[in-house]
C-alpha atoms as a PDB file:
ATOM      1  CA  MET A   1     177.526  87.211  63.217  1.00  0.00           C
ATOM      2  CA  SER A   2     176.696  85.453  66.477  1.00  0.00           C
ATOM      3  CA  PRO A   3     174.917  82.085  66.074  1.00  0.00           C
ATOM      4  CA  TRP A   4     172.616  83.064  68.942  1.00  0.00           C
ATOM      5  CA  ILE A   5     170.969  85.612  66.674  1.00  0.00           C
ATOM      6  CA  TRP A   6     169.916  82.828  64.310  1.00  0.00           C
ATOM      7  CA  VAL A   7     168.784  80.647  67.205  1.00  0.00           C
ATOM      8  CA  VAL A   8     166.471  83.399  68.454  1.00  0.00           C
ATOM      9  CA  LEU A   9     165.091  84.010  64.965  1.00  0.00           C
ATOM     10  CA  ILE A  10     164.449  80.289  64.471  1.00  0.00           C
ATOM     11  CA  LEU A  11     162.639  80.119  67.807  1.00  0.00           C
ATOM     12  CA  LEU A  12     160.474  83.118  66.921  1.00  0.00           C
ATOM     13  CA  ILE A  13     159.543  81.616  63.536  1.00  0.00           C
ATOM     14  CA  ALA A  14     158.839  78.296  65.281  1.00  0.00           C
ATOM     15  CA  ALA A  15     156.528  80.103  67.704  1.00  0.00           C
ATOM     16  CA  ASN A  16     154.671  81.624  64.752  1.00  0.00           C
ATOM     17  CA  ALA A  17     154.346  78.159  63.206  1.00  0.00           C
ATOM     18  CA  LEU A  18     153.068  76.778  66.512  1.00  0.00           C
ATOM     19  CA  TYR A  19     150.270  79.328  66.757  1.00  0.00           C
ATOM     20  CA  VAL A  20     149.280  78.873  63.099  1.00  0.00           C
ATOM     21  CA  THR A  21     149.151  75.103  63.585  1.00  0.00           C
ATOM     22  CA  ALA A  22     147.092  75.500  66.760  1.00  0.00           C
ATOM     23  CA  GLU A  23     144.572  77.811  65.126  1.00  0.00           C
ATOM     24  CA  PHE A  24     143.876  75.704  62.040  1.00  0.00           C
ATOM     25  CA  GLY A  25     144.048  72.481  64.015  1.00  0.00           C
ATOM     26  CA  ALA A  26     141.456  73.637  66.562  1.00  0.00           C
ATOM     27  CA  VAL A  27     139.090  74.965  63.901  1.00  0.00           C
ATOM     28  CA  GLY A  28     139.476  71.932  61.634  1.00  0.00           C
ATOM     29  CA  VAL A  29     139.399  69.085  64.153  1.00  0.00           C
ATOM     30  CA  ARG A  30     136.201  67.076  64.495  1.00  0.00           C
ATOM     31  CA  ARG A  31     134.696  67.332  67.952  1.00  0.00           C
ATOM     32  CA  SER A  32     133.306  63.805  67.699  1.00  0.00           C
ATOM     33  CA  ARG A  33     136.826  62.514  67.068  1.00  0.00           C
ATOM     34  CA  VAL A  34     138.242  64.399  70.063  1.00  0.00           C
ATOM     35  CA  ARG A  35     135.370  63.229  72.262  1.00  0.00           C
ATOM     36  CA  ARG A  36     135.951  59.617  71.240  1.00  0.00           C
ATOM     37  CA  LEU A  37     139.684  59.888  71.981  1.00  0.00           C
ATOM     38  CA  SER A  38     138.884  61.477  75.330  1.00  0.00           C
ATOM     39  CA  ASP A  39     136.505  58.642  76.203  1.00  0.00           C
ATOM     40  CA  ASP A  40     139.258  56.169  75.271  1.00  0.00           C
ATOM     41  CA  GLY A  41     141.576  57.771  77.832  1.00  0.00           C
ATOM     42  CA  HIS A  42     143.770  59.990  75.622  1.00  0.00           C
ATOM     43  CA  TRP A  43     144.998  62.636  78.083  1.00  0.00           C
ATOM     44  CA  LEU A  44     145.702  65.307  75.477  1.00  0.00           C
ATOM     45  CA  ALA A  45     142.223  64.820  74.037  1.00  0.00           C
ATOM     46  CA  ARG A  46     140.773  65.368  77.519  1.00  0.00           C
ATOM     47  CA  ARG A  47     142.682  68.659  77.700  1.00  0.00           C
ATOM     48  CA  LEU A  48     141.605  69.692  74.207  1.00  0.00           C
ATOM     49  CA  LEU A  49     137.909  68.774  74.394  1.00  0.00           C
ATOM     50  CA  PRO A  50     136.759  71.732  76.575  1.00  0.00           C
ATOM     51  CA  HIS A  51     138.378  74.162  74.131  1.00  0.00           C
ATOM     52  CA  VAL A  52     136.690  72.848  70.964  1.00  0.00           C
ATOM     53  CA  GLN A  53     133.244  71.707  72.099  1.00  0.00           C
ATOM     54  CA  ASP A  54     132.176  75.155  73.382  1.00  0.00           C
ATOM     55  CA  PRO A  55     132.022  77.977  70.756  1.00  0.00           C
ATOM     56  CA  ILE A  56     132.965  80.637  73.329  1.00  0.00           C
ATOM     57  CA  ALA A  57     135.978  78.624  74.518  1.00  0.00           C
ATOM     58  CA  LEU A  58     136.959  78.035  70.888  1.00  0.00           C
ATOM     59  CA  ASP A  59     136.762  81.798  70.309  1.00  0.00           C
ATOM     60  CA  ARG A  60     139.235  82.381  73.145  1.00  0.00           C
ATOM     61  CA  PHE A  61     141.481  79.593  71.855  1.00  0.00           C
ATOM     62  CA  VAL A  62     141.594  81.088  68.359  1.00  0.00           C
ATOM     63  CA  GLY A  63     142.034  84.581  69.819  1.00  0.00           C
ATOM     64  CA  ALA A  64     145.087  83.433  71.773  1.00  0.00           C
ATOM     65  CA  SER A  65     146.611  81.874  68.660  1.00  0.00           C
ATOM     66  CA  GLN A  66     146.023  85.043  66.638  1.00  0.00           C
ATOM     67  CA  ILE A  67     147.660  87.153  69.342  1.00  0.00           C
ATOM     68  CA  GLY A  68     150.589  84.743  69.358  1.00  0.00           C
ATOM     69  CA  ILE A  69     150.924  84.940  65.571  1.00  0.00           C
ATOM     70  CA  THR A  70     150.898  88.752  65.663  1.00  0.00           C
ATOM     71  CA  LEU A  71     153.397  89.046  68.501  1.00  0.00           C
ATOM     72  CA  SER A  72     155.817  86.497  67.050  1.00  0.00           C
ATOM     73  CA  SER A  73     155.668  88.168  63.626  1.00  0.00           C
ATOM     74  CA  LEU A  74     156.350  91.589  65.138  1.00  0.00           C
ATOM     75  CA  ALA A  75     159.157  90.138  67.245  1.00  0.00           C
ATOM     76  CA  VAL A  76     160.834  88.604  64.189  1.00  0.00           C
ATOM     77  CA  GLY A  77     160.747  91.932  62.375  1.00  0.00           C
ATOM     78  CA  ALA A  78     161.937  94.029  65.317  1.00  0.00           C
ATOM     79  CA  TYR A  79     164.667  91.609  66.390  1.00  0.00           C
ATOM     80  CA  SER A  80     166.000  91.115  62.862  1.00  0.00           C
ATOM     81  CA  GLN A  81     166.188  94.872  62.272  1.00  0.00           C
ATOM     82  CA  ALA A  82     167.964  95.411  65.587  1.00  0.00           C
ATOM     83  CA  THR A  83     170.502  92.610  65.080  1.00  0.00           C
ATOM     84  CA  VAL A  84     170.882  91.384  61.521  1.00  0.00           C
ATOM     85  CA  THR A  85     170.459  94.779  59.841  1.00  0.00           C
ATOM     86  CA  THR A  86     173.062  96.496  62.026  1.00  0.00           C
ATOM     87  CA  ARG A  87     175.569  93.752  61.211  1.00  0.00           C
ATOM     88  CA  LEU A  88     174.733  93.492  57.545  1.00  0.00           C
ATOM     89  CA  ALA A  89     175.043  97.225  56.795  1.00  0.00           C
ATOM     90  CA  PRO A  90     178.853  97.406  57.421  1.00  0.00           C
ATOM     91  CA  LEU A  91     179.356  94.329  55.223  1.00  0.00           C
ATOM     92  CA  LEU A  92     177.475  96.018  52.384  1.00  0.00           C
ATOM     93  CA  MET A  93     179.483  99.208  52.866  1.00  0.00           C
ATOM     94  CA  ARG A  94     182.795  97.344  52.527  1.00  0.00           C
ATOM     95  CA  ALA A  95     181.670  95.021  49.728  1.00  0.00           C
ATOM     96  CA  PHE A  96     180.061  97.656  47.507  1.00  0.00           C
ATOM     97  CA  ASP A  97     181.707 100.837  48.794  1.00  0.00           C
ATOM     98  CA  LEU A  98     178.383 102.303  49.926  1.00  0.00           C
ATOM     99  CA  ALA A  99     177.733 105.253  52.211  1.00  0.00           C
ATOM    100  CA  ASP A 100     175.952 104.858  55.539  1.00  0.00           C
ATOM    101  CA  LEU A 101     172.791 106.494  54.261  1.00  0.00           C
ATOM    102  CA  THR A 102     172.586 103.924  51.452  1.00  0.00           C
ATOM    103  CA  ALA A 103     173.846 100.776  53.171  1.00  0.00           C
ATOM    104  CA  ILE A 104     171.542 100.887  56.187  1.00  0.00           C
ATOM    105  CA  PRO A 105     168.224 101.195  54.250  1.00  0.00           C
ATOM    106  CA  LEU A 106     169.447  98.581  51.745  1.00  0.00           C
ATOM    107  CA  ALA A 107     170.317  96.181  54.553  1.00  0.00           C
ATOM    108  CA  ALA A 108     166.935  96.780  56.182  1.00  0.00           C
ATOM    109  CA  VAL A 109     165.107  96.014  52.926  1.00  0.00           C
ATOM    110  CA  LEU A 110     167.143  92.850  52.289  1.00  0.00           C
ATOM    111  CA  VAL A 111     166.553  91.552  55.812  1.00  0.00           C
ATOM    112  CA  LEU A 112     162.840  92.377  55.596  1.00  0.00           C
ATOM    113  CA  VAL A 113     162.377  90.600  52.245  1.00  0.00           C
ATOM    114  CA  VAL A 114     164.365  87.494  53.113  1.00  0.00           C
ATOM    115  CA  LEU A 115     162.962  86.987  56.606  1.00  0.00           C
ATOM    116  CA  THR A 116     159.413  87.740  55.462  1.00  0.00           C
ATOM    117  CA  ALA A 117     159.717  85.047  52.784  1.00  0.00           C
ATOM    118  CA  VAL A 118     161.211  82.554  55.252  1.00  0.00           C
ATOM    119  CA  GLN A 119     158.573  83.275  57.852  1.00  0.00           C
ATOM    120  CA  LEU A 120     155.757  83.086  55.285  1.00  0.00           C
ATOM    121  CA  VAL A 121     156.862  79.650  54.107  1.00  0.00           C
ATOM    122  CA  LEU A 122     158.074  78.057  57.355  1.00  0.00           C
ATOM    123  CA  GLY A 123     155.890  79.967  59.805  1.00  0.00           C
ATOM    124  CA  GLU A 124     152.632  80.214  57.860  1.00  0.00           C
ATOM    125  CA  LEU A 125     152.150  78.110  54.726  1.00  0.00           C
ATOM    126  CA  VAL A 126     153.779  74.839  55.785  1.00  0.00           C
ATOM    127  CA  PRO A 127     152.170  74.626  59.270  1.00  0.00           C
ATOM    128  CA  LYS A 128     148.821  75.683  57.821  1.00  0.00           C
ATOM    129  CA  ALA A 129     148.955  72.935  55.189  1.00  0.00           C
ATOM    130  CA  LEU A 130     149.961  70.327  57.772  1.00  0.00           C
ATOM    131  CA  ALA A 131     147.236  71.414  60.201  1.00  0.00           C
ATOM    132  CA  LEU A 132     144.566  71.250  57.505  1.00  0.00           C
ATOM    133  CA  GLN A 133     145.756  67.796  56.450  1.00  0.00           C
ATOM    134  CA  TYR A 134     146.158  66.437  59.993  1.00  0.00           C
ATOM    135  CA  PRO A 135     143.849  68.582  62.183  1.00  0.00           C
ATOM    136  CA  THR A 136     143.505  66.065  65.013  1.00  0.00           C
ATOM    137  CA  GLN A 137     147.256  65.572  65.452  1.00  0.00           C
ATOM    138  CA  ALA A 138     147.893  69.311  65.103  1.00  0.00           C
ATOM    139  CA  ALA A 139     145.314  70.235  67.735  1.00  0.00           C
ATOM    140  CA  LEU A 140     146.528  67.593  70.186  1.00  0.00           C
ATOM    141  CA  LEU A 141     150.218  68.488  69.850  1.00  0.00           C
ATOM    142  CA  THR A 142     149.621  72.191  70.408  1.00  0.00           C
ATOM    143  CA  VAL A 143     147.039  72.079  73.208  1.00  0.00           C
ATOM    144  CA  LEU A 144     149.533  72.363  76.105  1.00  0.00           C
ATOM    145  CA  PRO A 145     151.429  75.462  74.856  1.00  0.00           C
ATOM    146  CA  MET A 146     148.070  76.983  73.893  1.00  0.00           C
ATOM    147  CA  GLU A 147     146.761  76.497  77.422  1.00  0.00           C
ATOM    148  CA  TRP A 148     149.806  78.365  78.735  1.00  0.00           C
ATOM    149  CA  SER A 149     149.193  81.089  76.165  1.00  0.00           C
ATOM    150  CA  LEU A 150     145.552  81.359  77.222  1.00  0.00           C
ATOM    151  CA  VAL A 151     146.683  82.114  80.765  1.00  0.00           C
ATOM    152  CA  VAL A 152     149.239  84.714  79.639  1.00  0.00           C
ATOM    153  CA  PHE A 153     147.017  86.401  77.036  1.00  0.00           C
ATOM    154  CA  ARG A 154     143.737  86.237  78.979  1.00  0.00           C
ATOM    155  CA  PRO A 155     143.411  90.003  79.693  1.00  0.00           C
ATOM    156  CA  VAL A 156     144.297  90.894  76.111  1.00  0.00           C
ATOM    157  CA  ILE A 157     141.903  88.285  74.686  1.00  0.00           C
ATOM    158  CA  SER A 158     138.973  89.677  76.670  1.00  0.00           C
ATOM    159  CA  LEU A 159     139.808  93.248  75.632  1.00  0.00           C
ATOM    160  CA  LEU A 160     140.202  92.425  71.922  1.00  0.00           C
ATOM    161  CA  ASN A 161     137.160  90.140  71.692  1.00  0.00           C
ATOM    162  CA  GLY A 162     135.042  92.738  73.477  1.00  0.00           C
ATOM    163  CA  SER A 163     136.272  95.520  71.180  1.00  0.00           C
ATOM    164  CA  ALA A 164     135.576  93.436  68.085  1.00  0.00           C
ATOM    165  CA  LEU A 165     132.053  92.648  69.304  1.00  0.00           C
ATOM    166  CA  LEU A 166     131.321  96.328  69.925  1.00  0.00           C
ATOM    167  CA  LEU A 167     132.506  97.259  66.439  1.00  0.00           C
ATOM    168  CA  LEU A 168     130.390  94.521  64.864  1.00  0.00           C
ATOM    169  CA  ARG A 169     127.313  95.720  66.730  1.00  0.00           C
ATOM    170  CA  ALA A 170     128.036  99.290  65.640  1.00  0.00           C
ATOM    171  CA  PHE A 171     127.822  98.107  62.025  1.00  0.00           C
ATOM    172  CA  GLY A 172     124.632  96.172  62.714  1.00  0.00           C
ATOM    173  CA  ALA A 173     126.312  92.760  62.577  1.00  0.00           C
ATOM    174  CA  SER A 174     126.392  90.055  65.193  1.00  0.00           C
ATOM    175  CA  GLY A 175     129.526  88.356  66.403  1.00  0.00           C
ATOM    176  CA  HIS A 176     129.770  84.851  64.995  1.00  0.00           C
ATOM    177  CA  SER A 177     131.667  82.346  67.072  1.00  0.00           C
ATOM    178  CA  HIS A 178     134.160  80.008  65.451  1.00  0.00           C
ATOM    179  CA  GLN A 179     132.309  76.772  64.804  1.00  0.00           C
ATOM    180  CA  HIS A 180     132.989  73.581  62.888  1.00  0.00           C
ATOM    181  CA  LEU A 181     130.726  74.359  59.942  1.00  0.00           C
ATOM    182  CA  HIS A 182     130.910  72.966  56.425  1.00  0.00           C
ATOM    183  CA  SER A 183     129.173  74.037  53.257  1.00  0.00           C
ATOM    184  CA  PRO A 184     127.250  71.393  51.253  1.00  0.00           C
ATOM    185  CA  GLU A 185     130.130  71.313  48.767  1.00  0.00           C
ATOM    186  CA  GLU A 186     132.625  70.653  51.576  1.00  0.00           C
ATOM    187  CA  ILE A 187     130.418  67.911  53.025  1.00  0.00           C
ATOM    188  CA  ASP A 188     130.202  66.331  49.586  1.00  0.00           C
ATOM    189  CA  LEU A 189     133.998  66.416  49.405  1.00  0.00           C
ATOM    190  CA  LEU A 190     134.270  64.828  52.861  1.00  0.00           C
ATOM    191  CA  ILE A 191     131.910  62.061  51.774  1.00  0.00           C
ATOM    192  CA  ALA A 192     134.025  61.406  48.665  1.00  0.00           C
ATOM    193  CA  GLU A 193     137.212  61.349  50.735  1.00  0.00           C
ATOM    194  CA  SER A 194     135.610  58.920  53.195  1.00  0.00           C
ATOM    195  CA  ARG A 195     134.776  56.614  50.311  1.00  0.00           C
ATOM    196  CA  ASP A 196     138.296  56.876  48.902  1.00  0.00           C
ATOM    197  CA  GLY A 197     139.689  56.122  52.361  1.00  0.00           C
ATOM    198  CA  GLY A 198     137.600  52.972  52.653  1.00  0.00           C
ATOM    199  CA  LEU A 199     135.245  54.270  55.360  1.00  0.00           C
ATOM    200  CA  LEU A 200     132.205  54.219  53.059  1.00  0.00           C
ATOM    201  CA  GLU A 201     131.019  51.790  50.442  1.00  0.00           C
ATOM    202  CA  PRO A 202     130.145  53.305  47.036  1.00  0.00           C
ATOM    203  CA  GLU A 203     126.425  52.648  47.663  1.00  0.00           C
ATOM    204  CA  GLU A 204     126.616  54.396  51.033  1.00  0.00           C
ATOM    205  CA  GLN A 205     128.346  57.364  49.447  1.00  0.00           C
ATOM    206  CA  GLN A 206     125.610  57.649  46.822  1.00  0.00           C
ATOM    207  CA  ARG A 207     122.869  57.564  49.476  1.00  0.00           C
ATOM    208  CA  LEU A 208     124.583  60.257  51.532  1.00  0.00           C
ATOM    209  CA  ARG A 209     125.072  62.448  48.479  1.00  0.00           C
ATOM    210  CA  ARG A 210     121.396  62.072  47.536  1.00  0.00           C
ATOM    211  CA  ALA A 211     120.369  62.988  51.081  1.00  0.00           C
ATOM    212  CA  LEU A 212     122.602  66.060  50.911  1.00  0.00           C
ATOM    213  CA  ARG A 213     121.234  67.005  47.499  1.00  0.00           C
ATOM    214  CA  LEU A 214     117.622  66.653  48.681  1.00  0.00           C
ATOM    215  CA  GLY A 215     117.883  69.963  50.529  1.00  0.00           C
ATOM    216  CA  THR A 216     118.930  71.735  47.325  1.00  0.00           C
ATOM    217  CA  ARG A 217     116.037  70.377  45.224  1.00  0.00           C
ATOM    218  CA  ARG A 218     112.630  72.033  45.031  1.00  0.00           C
ATOM    219  CA  VAL A 219     109.223  70.411  45.007  1.00  0.00           C
ATOM    220  CA  ARG A 220     108.740  71.454  41.396  1.00  0.00           C
ATOM    221  CA  ASP A 221     111.812  69.409  40.429  1.00  0.00           C
ATOM    222  CA  LEU A 222     110.343  66.149  41.759  1.00  0.00           C
ATOM    223  CA  MET A 223     106.578  66.456  41.306  1.00  0.00           C
ATOM    224  CA  VAL A 224     104.400  64.769  38.689  1.00  0.00           C
ATOM    225  CA  PRO A 225     103.288  67.580  36.345  1.00  0.00           C
ATOM    226  CA  ARG A 226      99.606  68.493  36.364  1.00  0.00           C
ATOM    227  CA  GLU A 227      98.995  67.268  32.830  1.00  0.00           C
ATOM    228  CA  ARG A 228     100.071  63.765  33.858  1.00  0.00           C
ATOM    229  CA  VAL A 229      97.921  63.554  36.988  1.00  0.00           C
ATOM    230  CA  THR A 230      94.671  61.553  36.875  1.00  0.00           C
ATOM    231  CA  MET A 231      91.910  63.460  38.714  1.00  0.00           C
ATOM    232  CA  LEU A 232      88.231  63.058  39.514  1.00  0.00           C
ATOM    233  CA  GLU A 233      85.484  65.703  39.615  1.00  0.00           C
ATOM    234  CA  VAL A 234      83.705  65.664  42.982  1.00  0.00           C
ATOM    235  CA  SER A 235      80.308  65.532  41.269  1.00  0.00           C
ATOM    236  CA  ALA A 236      81.272  62.619  38.994  1.00  0.00           C
ATOM    237  CA  SER A 237      78.744  59.800  38.802  1.00  0.00           C
ATOM    238  CA  TRP A 238      79.416  56.463  40.436  1.00  0.00           C
ATOM    239  CA  ASP A 239      79.894  54.824  37.023  1.00  0.00           C
ATOM    240  CA  ASP A 240      82.457  57.477  35.997  1.00  0.00           C
ATOM    241  CA  VAL A 241      84.331  56.998  39.251  1.00  0.00           C
ATOM    242  CA  LEU A 242      84.454  53.228  38.823  1.00  0.00           C
ATOM    243  CA  ARG A 243      85.509  53.540  35.190  1.00  0.00           C
ATOM    244  CA  THR A 244      88.376  55.917  36.082  1.00  0.00           C
ATOM    245  CA  VAL A 245      89.516  53.802  39.017  1.00  0.00           C
ATOM    246  CA  LEU A 246      89.475  50.583  36.983  1.00  0.00           C
ATOM    247  CA  VAL A 247      91.674  51.963  34.201  1.00  0.00           C
ATOM    248  CA  SER A 248      94.066  53.722  36.576  1.00  0.00           C
ATOM    249  CA  PRO A 249      96.946  51.727  38.086  1.00  0.00           C
ATOM    250  CA  PHE A 250      97.183  54.113  41.036  1.00  0.00           C
ATOM    251  CA  SER A 251      95.713  53.786  44.498  1.00  0.00           C
ATOM    252  CA  ARG A 252      95.048  57.476  45.227  1.00  0.00           C
ATOM    253  CA  LEU A 253      93.419  60.044  42.965  1.00  0.00           C
ATOM    254  CA  PRO A 254      92.993  63.805  43.598  1.00  0.00           C
ATOM    255  CA  VAL A 255      89.430  65.103  43.642  1.00  0.00           C
ATOM    256  CA  PHE A 256      88.583  68.621  42.428  1.00  0.00           C
ATOM    257  CA  ARG A 257      85.514  70.835  42.419  1.00  0.00           C
ATOM    258  CA  GLY A 258      84.845  72.943  39.347  1.00  0.00           C
ATOM    259  CA  SER A 259      88.433  73.019  38.017  1.00  0.00           C
ATOM    260  CA  PRO A 260      91.721  71.206  38.732  1.00  0.00           C
ATOM    261  CA  ASP A 261      92.886  74.360  40.539  1.00  0.00           C
ATOM    262  CA  GLN A 262      90.340  73.592  43.274  1.00  0.00           C
ATOM    263  CA  ILE A 263      91.574  70.298  44.714  1.00  0.00           C
ATOM    264  CA  VAL A 264      89.321  69.405  47.644  1.00  0.00           C
ATOM    265  CA  GLY A 265      90.525  65.945  48.631  1.00  0.00           C
ATOM    266  CA  THR A 266      92.006  62.581  47.690  1.00  0.00           C
ATOM    267  CA  LEU A 267      90.224  59.333  46.952  1.00  0.00           C
ATOM    268  CA  ARG A 268      91.803  56.120  48.171  1.00  0.00           C
ATOM    269  CA  VAL A 269      90.750  53.101  46.140  1.00  0.00           C
ATOM    270  CA  LYS A 270      90.840  51.012  49.320  1.00  0.00           C
ATOM    271  CA  ASP A 271      88.317  53.364  50.960  1.00  0.00           C
ATOM    272  CA  LEU A 272      86.069  53.139  47.924  1.00  0.00           C
ATOM    273  CA  VAL A 273      86.057  49.325  48.007  1.00  0.00           C
ATOM    274  CA  ASP A 274      85.555  49.090  51.785  1.00  0.00           C
ATOM    275  CA  ARG A 275      82.736  51.621  51.903  1.00  0.00           C
ATOM    276  CA  TYR A 276      81.036  50.143  48.821  1.00  0.00           C
ATOM    277  CA  ALA A 277      81.094  46.692  50.398  1.00  0.00           C
ATOM    278  CA  SER A 278      79.387  47.976  53.535  1.00  0.00           C
ATOM    279  CA  GLU A 279      77.188  50.840  52.319  1.00  0.00           C
ATOM    280  CA  GLY A 280      76.921  50.578  48.539  1.00  0.00           C
ATOM    281  CA  PRO A 281      77.548  53.462  46.100  1.00  0.00           C
ATOM    282  CA  LEU A 282      78.422  56.765  47.783  1.00  0.00           C
ATOM    283  CA  PRO A 283      79.167  60.272  46.499  1.00  0.00           C
ATOM    284  CA  LEU A 284      82.822  61.238  46.309  1.00  0.00           C
ATOM    285  CA  ASP A 285      82.554  63.931  48.955  1.00  0.00           C
ATOM    286  CA  ARG A 286      81.816  61.172  51.497  1.00  0.00           C
ATOM    287  CA  LEU A 287      84.727  59.000  50.351  1.00  0.00           C
ATOM    288  CA  MET A 288      87.556  61.449  49.859  1.00  0.00           C
ATOM    289  CA  ARG A 289      90.150  62.388  52.458  1.00  0.00           C
ATOM    290  CA  PRO A 290      91.721  65.801  53.100  1.00  0.00           C
ATOM    291  CA  THR A 291      94.790  66.608  51.054  1.00  0.00           C
ATOM    292  CA  VAL A 292      97.995  68.517  51.745  1.00  0.00           C
ATOM    293  CA  HIS A 293      99.028  71.490  49.618  1.00  0.00           C
ATOM    294  CA  LEU A 294     102.674  72.414  49.043  1.00  0.00           C
ATOM    295  CA  LEU A 295     104.201  75.427  47.339  1.00  0.00           C
ATOM    296  CA  GLU A 296     106.215  74.440  44.302  1.00  0.00           C
ATOM    297  CA  ASP A 297     109.341  76.303  45.487  1.00  0.00           C
ATOM    298  CA  MET A 298     109.454  74.531  48.886  1.00  0.00           C
ATOM    299  CA  PRO A 299     112.715  72.613  49.510  1.00  0.00           C
ATOM    300  CA  ALA A 300     112.270  68.879  48.997  1.00  0.00           C
ATOM    301  CA  ASP A 301     113.581  67.955  52.453  1.00  0.00           C
ATOM    302  CA  SER A 302     111.021  70.294  54.062  1.00  0.00           C
ATOM    303  CA  ALA A 303     108.276  68.686  51.967  1.00  0.00           C
ATOM    304  CA  LEU A 304     109.357  65.240  53.158  1.00  0.00           C
ATOM    305  CA  ALA A 305     109.261  66.355  56.791  1.00  0.00           C
ATOM    306  CA  LEU A 306     105.812  67.917  56.317  1.00  0.00           C
ATOM    307  CA  LEU A 307     104.348  64.799  54.690  1.00  0.00           C
ATOM    308  CA  LYS A 308     105.723  62.658  57.518  1.00  0.00           C
ATOM    309  CA  ALA A 309     104.284  65.014  60.142  1.00  0.00           C
ATOM    310  CA  ARG A 310     100.857  65.013  58.456  1.00  0.00           C
ATOM    311  CA  ARG A 311     101.027  61.242  57.856  1.00  0.00           C
ATOM    312  CA  ALA A 312     100.194  61.961  54.220  1.00  0.00           C
ATOM    313  CA  HIS A 313     101.329  59.926  51.235  1.00  0.00           C
ATOM    314  CA  SER A 314     100.881  62.664  48.664  1.00  0.00           C
ATOM    315  CA  ALA A 315     100.359  66.406  48.311  1.00  0.00           C
ATOM    316  CA  ILE A 316      99.009  68.776  45.714  1.00  0.00           C
ATOM    317  CA  VAL A 317     101.634  71.227  44.463  1.00  0.00           C
ATOM    318  CA  VAL A 318     100.513  74.805  43.836  1.00  0.00           C
ATOM    319  CA  ASP A 319     102.226  77.958  42.620  1.00  0.00           C
ATOM    320  CA  ALA A 320     102.255  81.388  44.254  1.00  0.00           C
ATOM    321  CA  HIS A 321      98.754  82.062  42.840  1.00  0.00           C
ATOM    322  CA  ALA A 322      97.306  78.834  44.317  1.00  0.00           C
ATOM    323  CA  ARG A 323      97.059  77.214  40.889  1.00  0.00           C
ATOM    324  CA  THR A 324      97.620  73.461  40.801  1.00  0.00           C
ATOM    325  CA  THR A 325     100.895  72.617  39.071  1.00  0.00           C
ATOM    326  CA  GLY A 326     101.369  68.959  39.963  1.00  0.00           C
ATOM    327  CA  LEU A 327     101.391  66.157  42.491  1.00  0.00           C
ATOM    328  CA  LEU A 328     104.183  65.108  44.829  1.00  0.00           C
ATOM    329  CA  THR A 329     104.287  61.675  46.455  1.00  0.00           C
ATOM    330  CA  ILE A 330     106.365  60.058  49.143  1.00  0.00           C
ATOM    331  CA  GLN A 331     107.723  57.704  46.495  1.00  0.00           C
ATOM    332  CA  ASP A 332     109.010  60.664  44.458  1.00  0.00           C
ATOM    333  CA  LEU A 333     110.937  61.895  47.489  1.00  0.00           C
ATOM    334  CA  LEU A 334     112.246  58.459  48.463  1.00  0.00           C
ATOM    335  CA  THR A 335     113.411  57.795  44.924  1.00  0.00           C
ATOM    336  CA  GLU A 336     115.394  61.025  45.021  1.00  0.00           C
ATOM    337  CA  LEU A 337     116.718  60.170  48.489  1.00  0.00           C
ATOM    338  CA  LEU A 338     117.488  56.457  48.083  1.00  0.00           C
ATOM    339  CA  GLY A 339     117.752  56.075  44.333  1.00  0.00           C
ATOM    340  CA  PRO A 340     115.622  54.187  41.800  1.00  0.00           C
ATOM    341  CA  GLY A 341     115.779  51.075  43.968  1.00  0.00           C
ATOM    342  CA  ALA A 342     113.839  52.640  46.843  1.00  0.00           C
ATOM    343  CA  PRO A 343     111.671  49.900  48.412  1.00  0.00           C
ATOM    344  CA  PRO A 344     107.928  50.361  47.734  1.00  0.00           C
ATOM    345  CA  ALA A 345     107.189  49.237  51.303  1.00  0.00           C
ATOM    346  CA  ALA A 346     108.790  52.446  52.581  1.00  0.00           C
ATOM    347  CA  SER A 347     105.988  54.433  51.029  1.00  0.00           C
ATOM    348  CA  ALA A 348     102.532  54.051  49.601  1.00  0.00           C
ATOM    349  CA  GLY A 349     103.891  53.922  46.071  1.00  0.00           C
ATOM    350  CA  ARG A 350     103.454  56.485  43.368  1.00  0.00           C
ATOM    351  CA  GLU A 351     100.099  57.982  44.097  1.00  0.00           C
ATOM    352  CA  ALA A 352      98.694  59.445  40.926  1.00  0.00           C
ATOM    353  CA  SER A 353     100.004  60.120  37.516  1.00  0.00           C
ATOM    354  CA  ALA A 354      98.816  59.551  34.008  1.00  0.00           C
END
């Protein structure tokens, strides 16, 4: 059998490996890393950056690689059947005394099985694993042949992408561009790998993991339960207010009217002292400040953003029926975000609990 047959097959499998490497490298590479290399003068990074920073350009890049994978796979199958099978069939006939009708299908099956296995390992699995492990190097090394492929496949890419978009719209779905997205679990894994690689200190890793976890926690998970919250009735006498404030270690107390489900404001001890010094005893409704209400199933990171926007140090937590279920403070959120050692100066401290 001519050695040129094997050379062509090797080149076709190599082309398949090239397109697989390009696809997974482009999707897996970090744009910030490519941009930094480009700014440092890396010429391949400058060529690659336009293809990965724009989702539409990345779609075309991935489309070209998928076309290349399909064409090279089909070429391997067609070429092997036209060359290897026709040469293997006579050998099987002589070796096993087979008829033409038996030898030719048997040769075709053998060639298909062997070359499919070789192509799967060398043309798919190995380049995919390497590209996932070294996405930056893979994307940089394949950018030039991919740019040539983009020129050659441009009409086909537009036709196939347009057809796919029409089919998606027919099923009521929208076309999602290829983007560098990671699930929270994948981000957590990246953080752990960065620590193992020496890029993060253990304390930094813990802070990042807490920040990531904050979005998965609910207000109800972090609040002070209602039964532990110290409250004041808006009609309480001045002596009752002073007695409650003196025995409470907290600087802010919720004020309710009628029942704890009707929170109408928050009393700051500092306001009470300042106003008493200047005006003497005052009713609570003239001392209290407005309060923020949060639903108990609100994500904790959204609650933190809302408290910062309202410049509030605490919020009353309510359920779907507007019943008071607890109290959430900035300190509760910061403790979850930064750990038990969160500095009190970053917040107003724990606002009210029994």
